[in-house]
Protein backbone atom coordinates (compact mmCIF):
# COMPACT_ATOMS: atom_id res chain seq x y z
CA PRO A 1 212.75 104.25 128.29
CA LEU A 2 216.60 104.13 128.57
CA LEU A 3 216.99 107.79 127.62
CA GLY A 4 217.77 110.15 130.67
CA ASP A 5 220.34 111.07 133.10
CA TYR A 6 222.25 108.59 135.56
CA GLY A 7 224.07 109.59 138.69
CA ASP A 8 223.25 112.32 141.15
CA LYS A 9 222.82 116.06 141.67
CA ASP A 10 226.58 116.58 141.64
CA TRP A 11 227.46 114.25 138.76
CA LYS A 12 225.28 113.10 135.74
CA MET A 13 225.82 111.07 132.48
CA THR A 14 223.04 111.36 129.85
CA VAL A 15 221.88 108.87 127.31
CA SER A 16 219.91 110.82 124.49
CA ARG A 17 218.61 110.53 120.93
CA ASP A 18 219.22 112.69 118.01
CA GLY A 19 216.86 111.42 115.24
CA ASP A 20 217.53 107.75 114.96
CA ARG A 21 220.93 107.57 116.64
CA LEU A 22 221.65 107.31 120.27
CA PHE A 23 224.29 109.01 122.36
CA LEU A 24 226.08 108.84 125.77
CA GLN A 25 227.45 112.22 127.12
CA MET A 26 229.54 112.48 130.17
CA PRO A 27 230.42 115.81 132.06
CA GLY A 28 232.62 117.80 130.07
CA GLN A 29 232.91 115.32 127.26
CA GLU A 30 231.59 115.24 123.80
CA LYS A 31 228.55 113.05 122.83
CA TRP A 32 229.70 109.38 122.06
CA GLU A 33 227.34 107.58 119.66
CA LEU A 34 226.00 104.35 121.07
CA GLY A 35 225.08 101.00 119.36
CA ALA A 36 222.68 98.38 120.70
CA TYR A 37 223.12 94.67 121.67
CA GLY A 38 219.50 94.41 122.64
CA GLU A 39 216.64 96.05 124.28
CA ASN A 40 218.48 96.93 127.48
CA GLU A 41 222.18 96.67 126.34
CA LEU A 42 223.97 99.31 124.61
CA PHE A 43 227.58 100.02 123.80
CA VAL A 44 229.85 103.02 123.01
CA LYS A 45 230.79 102.74 119.22
CA ILE A 46 234.41 104.18 119.76
CA MET A 47 235.47 102.24 122.88
CA ALA A 48 235.04 98.91 124.66
CA TRP A 49 232.28 99.96 126.95
CA ARG A 50 229.12 98.10 127.37
CA MET A 51 225.90 99.43 129.23
CA SER A 52 223.26 97.41 130.73
CA PHE A 53 219.89 98.85 132.02
CA THR A 54 218.10 97.37 135.16
CA LYS A 55 214.49 97.84 135.41
CA ASN A 56 212.26 97.61 138.53
CA ALA A 57 208.99 95.33 139.01
CA VAL A 58 206.86 97.91 136.84
CA GLY A 59 209.48 98.06 134.03
CA LYS A 60 210.96 101.46 134.76
CA VAL A 61 214.70 101.68 134.35
CA ILE A 62 216.37 102.29 137.75
CA LYS A 63 219.97 101.81 137.23
CA LEU A 64 222.78 101.90 134.62
CA THR A 65 225.72 99.28 134.94
CA ASN A 66 228.75 100.43 132.81
CA THR A 67 231.48 97.44 132.02
CA GLN A 68 234.81 98.44 130.54
CA PRO A 69 237.72 96.26 130.17
CA SER A 70 239.16 97.11 133.57
CA VAL A 71 236.14 98.21 135.78
CA THR A 72 232.36 97.98 136.37
CA TRP A 73 230.50 100.56 137.89
CA GLU A 74 226.91 101.55 138.38
CA ARG A 75 224.86 104.67 138.41
CA PRO A 76 221.06 105.06 139.49
CA ARG A 77 218.68 106.83 137.28
CA PHE A 78 218.22 110.55 138.18
CA PRO A 79 215.95 111.65 139.55
CA THR A 80 214.86 108.23 141.02
CA PRO A 81 211.67 107.03 139.34
């Protein structure tokens, strides 16, 4: 349920799977492999970057919160569920 695009029509980041591995891809960047802290918590393996996924009342992911050492930012799921 975490896989998909986050952002808007002008800028998207993608959480994807290749076999049994998860990846994050930002526009114009390589894919970065992800690890998991829990069901709704991932992290980028090569840097201090944690991602938390927020679900709505029916359990669909609606937002991704990115936490890095100096900044926290959010992106909605795109397209909106």
